[in-house]
PDB file of all heavy atoms in Angstrom:
ATOM      1  N   ARG A   1      18.213  72.555 -18.118  1.00  0.00           N
ATOM      2  CA  ARG A   1      16.990  72.117 -17.468  1.00  0.00           C
ATOM      3  C   ARG A   1      16.155  71.299 -18.428  1.00  0.00           C
ATOM      4  O   ARG A   1      16.320  71.309 -19.670  1.00  0.00           O
ATOM      5  CB  ARG A   1      16.146  73.331 -17.047  1.00  0.00           C
ATOM      6  CG  ARG A   1      15.611  74.200 -18.179  1.00  0.00           C
ATOM      7  CD  ARG A   1      14.672  75.277 -17.709  1.00  0.00           C
ATOM      8  NE  ARG A   1      13.485  74.686 -17.073  1.00  0.00           N
ATOM      9  CZ  ARG A   1      12.351  75.387 -16.899  1.00  0.00           C
ATOM     10  NH1 ARG A   1      12.269  76.640 -17.279  1.00  0.00           N
ATOM     11  NH2 ARG A   1      11.311  74.835 -16.326  1.00  0.00           N
ATOM     12  N   VAL A   2      15.266  70.476 -17.867  1.00  0.00           N
ATOM     13  CA  VAL A   2      14.266  69.759 -18.625  1.00  0.00           C
ATOM     14  C   VAL A   2      13.064  70.668 -18.763  1.00  0.00           C
ATOM     15  O   VAL A   2      12.373  70.980 -17.788  1.00  0.00           O
ATOM     16  CB  VAL A   2      13.861  68.429 -17.956  1.00  0.00           C
ATOM     17  CG1 VAL A   2      12.718  67.777 -18.698  1.00  0.00           C
ATOM     18  CG2 VAL A   2      15.062  67.488 -17.861  1.00  0.00           C
ATOM     19  N   LEU A   3      12.837  71.185 -19.960  1.00  0.00           N
ATOM     20  CA  LEU A   3      11.765  72.109 -20.210  1.00  0.00           C
ATOM     21  C   LEU A   3      10.413  71.410 -20.207  1.00  0.00           C
ATOM     22  O   LEU A   3       9.424  71.958 -19.705  1.00  0.00           O
ATOM     23  CB  LEU A   3      11.988  72.820 -21.516  1.00  0.00           C
ATOM     24  CG  LEU A   3      10.928  73.855 -21.922  1.00  0.00           C
ATOM     25  CD1 LEU A   3      10.881  75.026 -20.922  1.00  0.00           C
ATOM     26  CD2 LEU A   3      11.203  74.379 -23.332  1.00  0.00           C
ATOM     27  N   ALA A   4      10.367  70.222 -20.780  1.00  0.00           N
ATOM     28  CA  ALA A   4       9.101  69.484 -20.876  1.00  0.00           C
ATOM     29  C   ALA A   4       9.390  68.025 -21.139  1.00  0.00           C
ATOM     30  O   ALA A   4      10.500  67.623 -21.486  1.00  0.00           O
ATOM     31  CB  ALA A   4       8.235  70.057 -21.978  1.00  0.00           C
ATOM     32  N   THR A   5       8.362  67.196 -20.915  1.00  0.00           N
ATOM     33  CA  THR A   5       8.425  65.767 -21.130  1.00  0.00           C
ATOM     34  C   THR A   5       7.266  65.330 -22.029  1.00  0.00           C
ATOM     35  O   THR A   5       6.279  66.093 -22.203  1.00  0.00           O
ATOM     36  CB  THR A   5       8.338  64.971 -19.815  1.00  0.00           C
ATOM     37  OG1 THR A   5       7.076  65.288 -19.191  1.00  0.00           O
ATOM     38  CG2 THR A   5       9.460  65.356 -18.882  1.00  0.00           C
ATOM     39  N   GLY A   6       7.358  64.139 -22.571  1.00  0.00           N
ATOM     40  CA  GLY A   6       6.283  63.569 -23.365  1.00  0.00           C
ATOM     41  C   GLY A   6       6.544  62.088 -23.535  1.00  0.00           C
ATOM     42  O   GLY A   6       7.674  61.620 -23.392  1.00  0.00           O
ATOM     43  N   SER A   7       5.542  61.337 -23.844  1.00  0.00           N
ATOM     44  CA  SER A   7       5.690  59.901 -24.019  1.00  0.00           C
ATOM     45  C   SER A   7       4.616  59.332 -24.925  1.00  0.00           C
ATOM     46  O   SER A   7       3.569  59.979 -25.152  1.00  0.00           O
ATOM     47  CB  SER A   7       5.729  59.169 -22.686  1.00  0.00           C
ATOM     48  OG  SER A   7       4.485  59.315 -22.000  1.00  0.00           O
ATOM     49  N   TYR A   8       4.856  58.115 -25.396  1.00  0.00           N
ATOM     50  CA  TYR A   8       3.842  57.439 -26.200  1.00  0.00           C
ATOM     51  C   TYR A   8       4.040  55.925 -25.990  1.00  0.00           C
ATOM     52  O   TYR A   8       5.158  55.399 -25.969  1.00  0.00           O
ATOM     53  CB  TYR A   8       4.048  57.742 -27.683  1.00  0.00           C
ATOM     54  CG  TYR A   8       3.169  56.888 -28.591  1.00  0.00           C
ATOM     55  CD1 TYR A   8       1.789  57.210 -28.735  1.00  0.00           C
ATOM     56  CD2 TYR A   8       3.657  55.781 -29.258  1.00  0.00           C
ATOM     57  CE1 TYR A   8       0.964  56.418 -29.530  1.00  0.00           C
ATOM     58  CE2 TYR A   8       2.843  55.014 -30.036  1.00  0.00           C
ATOM     59  CZ  TYR A   8       1.514  55.337 -30.192  1.00  0.00           C
ATOM     60  OH  TYR A   8       0.694  54.543 -30.985  1.00  0.00           O
ATOM     61  N   VAL A   9       2.893  55.231 -25.806  1.00  0.00           N
ATOM     62  CA  VAL A   9       2.886  53.784 -25.751  1.00  0.00           C
ATOM     63  C   VAL A   9       1.873  53.280 -26.779  1.00  0.00           C
ATOM     64  O   VAL A   9       0.844  53.920 -27.010  1.00  0.00           O
ATOM     65  CB  VAL A   9       2.559  53.253 -24.342  1.00  0.00           C
ATOM     66  CG1 VAL A   9       3.654  53.594 -23.355  1.00  0.00           C
ATOM     67  CG2 VAL A   9       1.225  53.765 -23.861  1.00  0.00           C
ATOM     68  N   PRO A  10       2.136  52.161 -27.424  1.00  0.00           N
ATOM     69  CA  PRO A  10       1.174  51.594 -28.389  1.00  0.00           C
ATOM     70  C   PRO A  10      -0.143  51.255 -27.738  1.00  0.00           C
ATOM     71  O   PRO A  10      -0.255  51.090 -26.507  1.00  0.00           O
ATOM     72  CB  PRO A  10       1.928  50.352 -28.883  1.00  0.00           C
ATOM     73  CG  PRO A  10       3.359  50.542 -28.602  1.00  0.00           C
ATOM     74  CD  PRO A  10       3.382  51.346 -27.293  1.00  0.00           C
ATOM     75  N   ASP A  11      -1.142  51.125 -28.557  1.00  0.00           N
ATOM     76  CA  ASP A  11      -2.535  50.885 -28.094  1.00  0.00           C
ATOM     77  C   ASP A  11      -2.696  49.485 -27.520  1.00  0.00           C
ATOM     78  O   ASP A  11      -3.439  49.286 -26.531  1.00  0.00           O
ATOM     79  CB  ASP A  11      -3.544  51.087 -29.212  1.00  0.00           C
ATOM     80  CG  ASP A  11      -3.605  52.520 -29.654  1.00  0.00           C
ATOM     81  OD1 ASP A  11      -3.313  53.425 -28.839  1.00  0.00           O
ATOM     82  OD2 ASP A  11      -3.997  52.779 -30.835  1.00  0.00           O
ATOM     83  N   GLN A  12      -2.028  48.488 -28.105  1.00  0.00           N
ATOM     84  CA  GLN A  12      -2.269  47.099 -27.704  1.00  0.00           C
ATOM     85  C   GLN A  12      -1.708  46.826 -26.306  1.00  0.00           C
ATOM     86  O   GLN A  12      -0.542  46.988 -26.038  1.00  0.00           O
ATOM     87  CB  GLN A  12      -1.655  46.118 -28.667  1.00  0.00           C
ATOM     88  CG  GLN A  12      -1.970  44.648 -28.346  1.00  0.00           C
ATOM     89  CD  GLN A  12      -1.271  43.673 -29.265  1.00  0.00           C
ATOM     90  OE1 GLN A  12      -0.450  44.058 -30.084  1.00  0.00           O
ATOM     91  NE2 GLN A  12      -1.609  42.396 -29.114  1.00  0.00           N
ATOM     92  N   ILE A  13      -2.614  46.355 -25.441  1.00  0.00           N
ATOM     93  CA  ILE A  13      -2.218  45.956 -24.049  1.00  0.00           C
ATOM     94  C   ILE A  13      -2.173  44.428 -24.003  1.00  0.00           C
ATOM     95  O   ILE A  13      -3.134  43.760 -24.406  1.00  0.00           O
ATOM     96  CB  ILE A  13      -3.223  46.496 -23.027  1.00  0.00           C
ATOM     97  CG1 ILE A  13      -3.271  48.035 -23.043  1.00  0.00           C
ATOM     98  CG2 ILE A  13      -2.861  45.969 -21.628  1.00  0.00           C
ATOM     99  CD1 ILE A  13      -4.341  48.631 -22.183  1.00  0.00           C
ATOM    100  N   VAL A  14      -1.087  43.894 -23.535  1.00  0.00           N
ATOM    101  CA  VAL A  14      -0.915  42.449 -23.401  1.00  0.00           C
ATOM    102  C   VAL A  14      -0.829  42.132 -21.925  1.00  0.00           C
ATOM    103  O   VAL A  14       0.135  42.509 -21.267  1.00  0.00           O
ATOM    104  CB  VAL A  14       0.345  41.935 -24.144  1.00  0.00           C
ATOM    105  CG1 VAL A  14       0.475  40.437 -23.974  1.00  0.00           C
ATOM    106  CG2 VAL A  14       0.272  42.322 -25.635  1.00  0.00           C
ATOM    107  N   THR A  15      -1.805  41.452 -21.379  1.00  0.00           N
ATOM    108  CA  THR A  15      -1.826  41.107 -19.972  1.00  0.00           C
ATOM    109  C   THR A  15      -1.076  39.788 -19.722  1.00  0.00           C
ATOM    110  O   THR A  15      -0.811  39.028 -20.697  1.00  0.00           O
ATOM    111  CB  THR A  15      -3.245  40.966 -19.455  1.00  0.00           C
ATOM    112  OG1 THR A  15      -3.864  39.820 -20.077  1.00  0.00           O
ATOM    113  CG2 THR A  15      -4.061  42.230 -19.740  1.00  0.00           C
ATOM    114  N   ASN A  16      -0.792  39.508 -18.500  1.00  0.00           N
ATOM    115  CA  ASN A  16      -0.163  38.223 -18.158  1.00  0.00           C
ATOM    116  C   ASN A  16      -1.068  37.065 -18.592  1.00  0.00           C
ATOM    117  O   ASN A  16      -0.590  36.016 -19.011  1.00  0.00           O
ATOM    118  CB  ASN A  16       0.123  38.149 -16.680  1.00  0.00           C
ATOM    119  CG  ASN A  16       1.203  39.117 -16.250  1.00  0.00           C
ATOM    120  OD1 ASN A  16       1.948  39.631 -17.066  1.00  0.00           O
ATOM    121  ND2 ASN A  16       1.282  39.385 -14.945  1.00  0.00           N
ATOM    122  N   GLU A  17      -2.360  37.257 -18.435  1.00  0.00           N
ATOM    123  CA  GLU A  17      -3.307  36.212 -18.804  1.00  0.00           C
ATOM    124  C   GLU A  17      -3.275  35.937 -20.307  1.00  0.00           C
ATOM    125  O   GLU A  17      -3.441  34.804 -20.738  1.00  0.00           O
ATOM    126  CB  GLU A  17      -4.725  36.576 -18.355  1.00  0.00           C
ATOM    127  CG  GLU A  17      -4.940  36.565 -16.838  1.00  0.00           C
ATOM    128  CD  GLU A  17      -4.232  37.683 -16.137  1.00  0.00           C
ATOM    129  OE1 GLU A  17      -3.988  38.732 -16.769  1.00  0.00           O
ATOM    130  OE2 GLU A  17      -3.897  37.534 -14.935  1.00  0.00           O
ATOM    131  N   ASP A  18      -3.035  36.998 -21.076  1.00  0.00           N
ATOM    132  CA  ASP A  18      -2.927  36.843 -22.551  1.00  0.00           C
ATOM    133  C   ASP A  18      -1.754  35.951 -22.935  1.00  0.00           C
ATOM    134  O   ASP A  18      -1.765  35.319 -24.009  1.00  0.00           O
ATOM    135  CB  ASP A  18      -2.773  38.210 -23.233  1.00  0.00           C
ATOM    136  CG  ASP A  18      -4.005  39.081 -23.091  1.00  0.00           C
ATOM    137  OD1 ASP A  18      -5.116  38.518 -23.005  1.00  0.00           O
ATOM    138  OD2 ASP A  18      -3.860  40.309 -23.084  1.00  0.00           O
ATOM    139  N   LEU A  19      -0.736  35.928 -22.076  1.00  0.00           N
ATOM    140  CA  LEU A  19       0.464  35.157 -22.392  1.00  0.00           C
ATOM    141  C   LEU A  19       0.377  33.687 -21.953  1.00  0.00           C
ATOM    142  O   LEU A  19       1.288  32.898 -22.227  1.00  0.00           O
ATOM    143  CB  LEU A  19       1.686  35.790 -21.719  1.00  0.00           C
ATOM    144  CG  LEU A  19       2.018  37.217 -22.192  1.00  0.00           C
ATOM    145  CD1 LEU A  19       3.200  37.754 -21.377  1.00  0.00           C
ATOM    146  CD2 LEU A  19       2.322  37.283 -23.670  1.00  0.00           C
ATOM    147  N   ALA A  20      -0.730  33.327 -21.300  1.00  0.00           N
ATOM    148  CA  ALA A  20      -0.870  31.956 -20.799  1.00  0.00           C
ATOM    149  C   ALA A  20      -0.852  30.963 -21.938  1.00  0.00           C
ATOM    150  O   ALA A  20      -0.324  29.850 -21.774  1.00  0.00           O
ATOM    151  CB  ALA A  20      -2.185  31.827 -20.017  1.00  0.00           C
ATOM    152  N   GLU A  21      -1.343  31.326 -23.116  1.00  0.00           N
ATOM    153  CA  GLU A  21      -1.380  30.419 -24.223  1.00  0.00           C
ATOM    154  C   GLU A  21       0.060  30.074 -24.730  1.00  0.00           C
ATOM    155  O   GLU A  21       0.242  29.081 -25.430  1.00  0.00           O
ATOM    156  CB  GLU A  21      -2.198  30.987 -25.377  1.00  0.00           C
ATOM    157  CG  GLU A  21      -1.649  32.256 -25.962  1.00  0.00           C
ATOM    158  CD  GLU A  21      -2.598  32.860 -26.999  1.00  0.00           C
ATOM    159  OE1 GLU A  21      -3.822  32.825 -26.793  1.00  0.00           O
ATOM    160  OE2 GLU A  21      -2.072  33.331 -28.020  1.00  0.00           O
ATOM    161  N   LEU A  22       1.027  30.915 -24.350  1.00  0.00           N
ATOM    162  CA  LEU A  22       2.414  30.639 -24.716  1.00  0.00           C
ATOM    163  C   LEU A  22       3.095  29.774 -23.659  1.00  0.00           C
ATOM    164  O   LEU A  22       4.277  29.417 -23.812  1.00  0.00           O
ATOM    165  CB  LEU A  22       3.207  31.938 -24.874  1.00  0.00           C
ATOM    166  CG  LEU A  22       2.688  32.903 -25.972  1.00  0.00           C
ATOM    167  CD1 LEU A  22       3.523  34.171 -25.941  1.00  0.00           C
ATOM    168  CD2 LEU A  22       2.776  32.268 -27.349  1.00  0.00           C
ATOM    169  N   GLY A  23       2.359  29.477 -22.596  1.00  0.00           N
ATOM    170  CA  GLY A  23       2.937  28.671 -21.524  1.00  0.00           C
ATOM    171  C   GLY A  23       3.475  29.485 -20.382  1.00  0.00           C
ATOM    172  O   GLY A  23       4.135  28.940 -19.473  1.00  0.00           O
ATOM    173  N   CYS A  24       3.237  30.803 -20.418  1.00  0.00           N
ATOM    174  CA  CYS A  24       3.731  31.670 -19.355  1.00  0.00           C
ATOM    175  C   CYS A  24       2.838  31.585 -18.130  1.00  0.00           C
ATOM    176  O   CYS A  24       1.638  31.491 -18.230  1.00  0.00           O
ATOM    177  CB  CYS A  24       3.789  33.134 -19.860  1.00  0.00           C
ATOM    178  SG  CYS A  24       4.836  33.401 -21.281  1.00  0.00           S
ATOM    179  N   ASP A  25       3.477  31.640 -16.988  1.00  0.00           N
ATOM    180  CA  ASP A  25       2.757  31.538 -15.707  1.00  0.00           C
ATOM    181  C   ASP A  25       2.539  32.949 -15.144  1.00  0.00           C
ATOM    182  O   ASP A  25       3.489  33.608 -14.745  1.00  0.00           O
ATOM    183  CB  ASP A  25       3.588  30.696 -14.740  1.00  0.00           C
ATOM    184  CG  ASP A  25       2.899  30.451 -13.381  1.00  0.00           C
ATOM    185  OD1 ASP A  25       2.076  31.265 -12.986  1.00  0.00           O
ATOM    186  OD2 ASP A  25       3.194  29.423 -12.757  1.00  0.00           O
ATOM    187  N   SER A  26       1.292  33.387 -15.086  1.00  0.00           N
ATOM    188  CA  SER A  26       0.969  34.745 -14.630  1.00  0.00           C
ATOM    189  C   SER A  26       1.462  35.015 -13.222  1.00  0.00           C
ATOM    190  O   SER A  26       2.026  36.062 -12.944  1.00  0.00           O
ATOM    191  CB  SER A  26      -0.519  34.991 -14.727  1.00  0.00           C
ATOM    192  OG  SER A  26      -0.865  36.262 -14.236  1.00  0.00           O
ATOM    193  N   ASP A  27       1.257  34.049 -12.339  1.00  0.00           N
ATOM    194  CA  ASP A  27       1.692  34.201 -10.945  1.00  0.00           C
ATOM    195  C   ASP A  27       3.218  34.329 -10.871  1.00  0.00           C
ATOM    196  O   ASP A  27       3.729  35.151 -10.059  1.00  0.00           O
ATOM    197  CB  ASP A  27       1.217  33.051 -10.076  1.00  0.00           C
ATOM    198  CG  ASP A  27      -0.283  33.029  -9.900  1.00  0.00           C
ATOM    199  OD1 ASP A  27      -0.907  34.097 -10.050  1.00  0.00           O
ATOM    200  OD2 ASP A  27      -0.845  31.957  -9.591  1.00  0.00           O
ATOM    201  N   TRP A  28       3.920  33.540 -11.650  1.00  0.00           N
ATOM    202  CA  TRP A  28       5.385  33.629 -11.646  1.00  0.00           C
ATOM    203  C   TRP A  28       5.825  35.019 -12.106  1.00  0.00           C
ATOM    204  O   TRP A  28       6.742  35.624 -11.542  1.00  0.00           O
ATOM    205  CB  TRP A  28       5.975  32.565 -12.538  1.00  0.00           C
ATOM    206  CG  TRP A  28       7.468  32.582 -12.593  1.00  0.00           C
ATOM    207  CD1 TRP A  28       8.329  31.869 -11.800  1.00  0.00           C
ATOM    208  CD2 TRP A  28       8.327  33.362 -13.491  1.00  0.00           C
ATOM    209  NE1 TRP A  28       9.636  32.154 -12.119  1.00  0.00           N
ATOM    210  CE2 TRP A  28       9.644  33.083 -13.156  1.00  0.00           C
ATOM    211  CE3 TRP A  28       8.052  34.254 -14.517  1.00  0.00           C
ATOM    212  CZ2 TRP A  28      10.735  33.656 -13.820  1.00  0.00           C
ATOM    213  CZ3 TRP A  28       9.130  34.857 -15.151  1.00  0.00           C
ATOM    214  CH2 TRP A  28      10.453  34.534 -14.825  1.00  0.00           C
ATOM    215  N   ILE A  29       5.194  35.536 -13.172  1.00  0.00           N
ATOM    216  CA  ILE A  29       5.574  36.874 -13.673  1.00  0.00           C
ATOM    217  C   ILE A  29       5.405  37.940 -12.629  1.00  0.00           C
ATOM    218  O   ILE A  29       6.332  38.759 -12.413  1.00  0.00           O
ATOM    219  CB  ILE A  29       4.742  37.197 -14.921  1.00  0.00           C
ATOM    220  CG1 ILE A  29       4.989  36.190 -16.064  1.00  0.00           C
ATOM    221  CG2 ILE A  29       5.029  38.628 -15.413  1.00  0.00           C
ATOM    222  CD1 ILE A  29       4.053  36.325 -17.238  1.00  0.00           C
ATOM    223  N   VAL A  30       4.284  37.939 -11.931  1.00  0.00           N
ATOM    224  CA  VAL A  30       4.041  38.946 -10.912  1.00  0.00           C
ATOM    225  C   VAL A  30       4.980  38.768  -9.740  1.00  0.00           C
ATOM    226  O   VAL A  30       5.567  39.736  -9.252  1.00  0.00           O
ATOM    227  CB  VAL A  30       2.582  38.881 -10.448  1.00  0.00           C
ATOM    228  CG1 VAL A  30       2.343  39.867  -9.310  1.00  0.00           C
ATOM    229  CG2 VAL A  30       1.614  39.158 -11.550  1.00  0.00           C
ATOM    230  N   ARG A  31       5.156  37.546  -9.329  1.00  0.00           N
ATOM    231  CA  ARG A  31       6.019  37.288  -8.147  1.00  0.00           C
ATOM    232  C   ARG A  31       7.466  37.639  -8.401  1.00  0.00           C
ATOM    233  O   ARG A  31       8.137  38.213  -7.537  1.00  0.00           O
ATOM    234  CB  ARG A  31       5.861  35.824  -7.744  1.00  0.00           C
ATOM    235  CG  ARG A  31       6.587  35.466  -6.456  1.00  0.00           C
ATOM    236  CD  ARG A  31       6.283  34.038  -6.046  1.00  0.00           C
ATOM    237  NE  ARG A  31       6.773  33.023  -6.991  1.00  0.00           N
ATOM    238  CZ  ARG A  31       6.019  32.339  -7.829  1.00  0.00           C
ATOM    239  NH1 ARG A  31       4.689  32.537  -7.853  1.00  0.00           N
ATOM    240  NH2 ARG A  31       6.551  31.448  -8.657  1.00  0.00           N
ATOM    241  N   ARG A  32       7.959  37.326  -9.583  1.00  0.00           N
ATOM    242  CA  ARG A  32       9.373  37.507  -9.872  1.00  0.00           C
ATOM    243  C   ARG A  32       9.687  38.898 -10.432  1.00  0.00           C
ATOM    244  O   ARG A  32      10.845  39.354 -10.339  1.00  0.00           O
ATOM    245  CB  ARG A  32       9.829  36.454 -10.886  1.00  0.00           C
ATOM    246  CG  ARG A  32       9.678  35.035 -10.397  1.00  0.00           C
ATOM    247  CD  ARG A  32      10.644  34.696  -9.287  1.00  0.00           C
ATOM    248  NE  ARG A  32      12.025  34.660  -9.736  1.00  0.00           N
ATOM    249  CZ  ARG A  32      13.066  34.359  -8.970  1.00  0.00           C
ATOM    250  NH1 ARG A  32      12.879  34.075  -7.676  1.00  0.00           N
ATOM    251  NH2 ARG A  32      14.293  34.337  -9.447  1.00  0.00           N
ATOM    252  N   THR A  33       8.714  39.581 -11.018  1.00  0.00           N
ATOM    253  CA  THR A  33       9.023  40.836 -11.701  1.00  0.00           C
ATOM    254  C   THR A  33       8.149  42.002 -11.289  1.00  0.00           C
ATOM    255  O   THR A  33       8.537  43.164 -11.419  1.00  0.00           O
ATOM    256  CB  THR A  33       8.905  40.680 -13.220  1.00  0.00           C
ATOM    257  OG1 THR A  33       7.507  40.556 -13.593  1.00  0.00           O
ATOM    258  CG2 THR A  33       9.669  39.463 -13.720  1.00  0.00           C
ATOM    259  N   GLY A  34       6.895  41.746 -10.868  1.00  0.00           N
ATOM    260  CA  GLY A  34       5.977  42.819 -10.548  1.00  0.00           C
ATOM    261  C   GLY A  34       5.191  43.321 -11.759  1.00  0.00           C
ATOM    262  O   GLY A  34       4.391  44.260 -11.649  1.00  0.00           O
ATOM    263  N   ILE A  35       5.392  42.725 -12.913  1.00  0.00           N
ATOM    264  CA  ILE A  35       4.744  43.184 -14.161  1.00  0.00           C
ATOM    265  C   ILE A  35       3.352  42.570 -14.306  1.00  0.00           C
ATOM    266  O   ILE A  35       3.181  41.366 -14.139  1.00  0.00           O
ATOM    267  CB  ILE A  35       5.616  42.785 -15.373  1.00  0.00           C
ATOM    268  CG1 ILE A  35       6.969  43.486 -15.284  1.00  0.00           C
ATOM    269  CG2 ILE A  35       4.913  43.199 -16.688  1.00  0.00           C
ATOM    270  CD1 ILE A  35       7.986  42.963 -16.311  1.00  0.00           C
ATOM    271  N   LEU A  36       2.376  43.405 -14.569  1.00  0.00           N
ATOM    272  CA  LEU A  36       1.001  42.964 -14.787  1.00  0.00           C
ATOM    273  C   LEU A  36       0.603  42.970 -16.259  1.00  0.00           C
ATOM    274  O   LEU A  36      -0.187  42.150 -16.704  1.00  0.00           O
ATOM    275  CB  LEU A  36       0.022  43.837 -14.007  1.00  0.00           C
ATOM    276  CG  LEU A  36       0.214  43.891 -12.475  1.00  0.00           C
ATOM    277  CD1 LEU A  36      -0.755  44.893 -11.853  1.00  0.00           C
ATOM    278  CD2 LEU A  36       0.003  42.518 -11.866  1.00  0.00           C
ATOM    279  N   ARG A  37       1.134  43.927 -16.996  1.00  0.00           N
ATOM    280  CA  ARG A  37       0.812  44.085 -18.417  1.00  0.00           C
ATOM    281  C   ARG A  37       1.925  44.850 -19.113  1.00  0.00           C
ATOM    282  O   ARG A  37       2.753  45.445 -18.433  1.00  0.00           O
ATOM    283  CB  ARG A  37      -0.551  44.779 -18.588  1.00  0.00           C
ATOM    284  CG  ARG A  37      -0.647  46.144 -17.915  1.00  0.00           C
ATOM    285  CD  ARG A  37      -2.068  46.653 -17.871  1.00  0.00           C
ATOM    286  NE  ARG A  37      -2.927  45.822 -17.004  1.00  0.00           N
ATOM    287  CZ  ARG A  37      -3.033  45.982 -15.714  1.00  0.00           C
ATOM    288  NH1 ARG A  37      -2.359  46.924 -15.084  1.00  0.00           N
ATOM    289  NH2 ARG A  37      -3.806  45.190 -15.010  1.00  0.00           N
ATOM    290  N   ARG A  38       1.894  44.855 -20.400  1.00  0.00           N
ATOM    291  CA  ARG A  38       2.887  45.578 -21.205  1.00  0.00           C
ATOM    292  C   ARG A  38       2.239  45.977 -22.508  1.00  0.00           C
ATOM    293  O   ARG A  38       1.171  45.499 -22.866  1.00  0.00           O
ATOM    294  CB  ARG A  38       4.156  44.775 -21.413  1.00  0.00           C
ATOM    295  CG  ARG A  38       4.069  43.619 -22.361  1.00  0.00           C
ATOM    296  CD  ARG A  38       3.352  42.391 -21.831  1.00  0.00           C
ATOM    297  NE  ARG A  38       4.041  41.791 -20.697  1.00  0.00           N
ATOM    298  CZ  ARG A  38       3.402  41.176 -19.716  1.00  0.00           C
ATOM    299  NH1 ARG A  38       2.059  41.060 -19.724  1.00  0.00           N
ATOM    300  NH2 ARG A  38       4.030  40.650 -18.731  1.00  0.00           N
ATOM    301  N   ARG A  39       2.868  46.869 -23.268  1.00  0.00           N
ATOM    302  CA  ARG A  39       2.342  47.315 -24.559  1.00  0.00           C
ATOM    303  C   ARG A  39       3.123  46.658 -25.697  1.00  0.00           C
ATOM    304  O   ARG A  39       4.316  46.427 -25.597  1.00  0.00           O
ATOM    305  CB  ARG A  39       2.402  48.835 -24.681  1.00  0.00           C
ATOM    306  CG  ARG A  39       1.651  49.612 -23.611  1.00  0.00           C
ATOM    307  CD  ARG A  39       0.146  49.309 -23.682  1.00  0.00           C
ATOM    308  NE  ARG A  39      -0.602  50.036 -22.639  1.00  0.00           N
ATOM    309  CZ  ARG A  39      -1.323  51.144 -22.870  1.00  0.00           C
ATOM    310  NH1 ARG A  39      -1.402  51.619 -24.121  1.00  0.00           N
ATOM    311  NH2 ARG A  39      -1.934  51.758 -21.916  1.00  0.00           N
TER     312      ARG A  39
END
């Protein structure tokens, strides 16, 4: 059995808008993947 669970994600949140300076298209990311942000 799984007795318990736990998780950890880093503090820094990177939004799609944060990636715009790299040339990433926020609308494309959401439309093609469903991702809004990541750590």
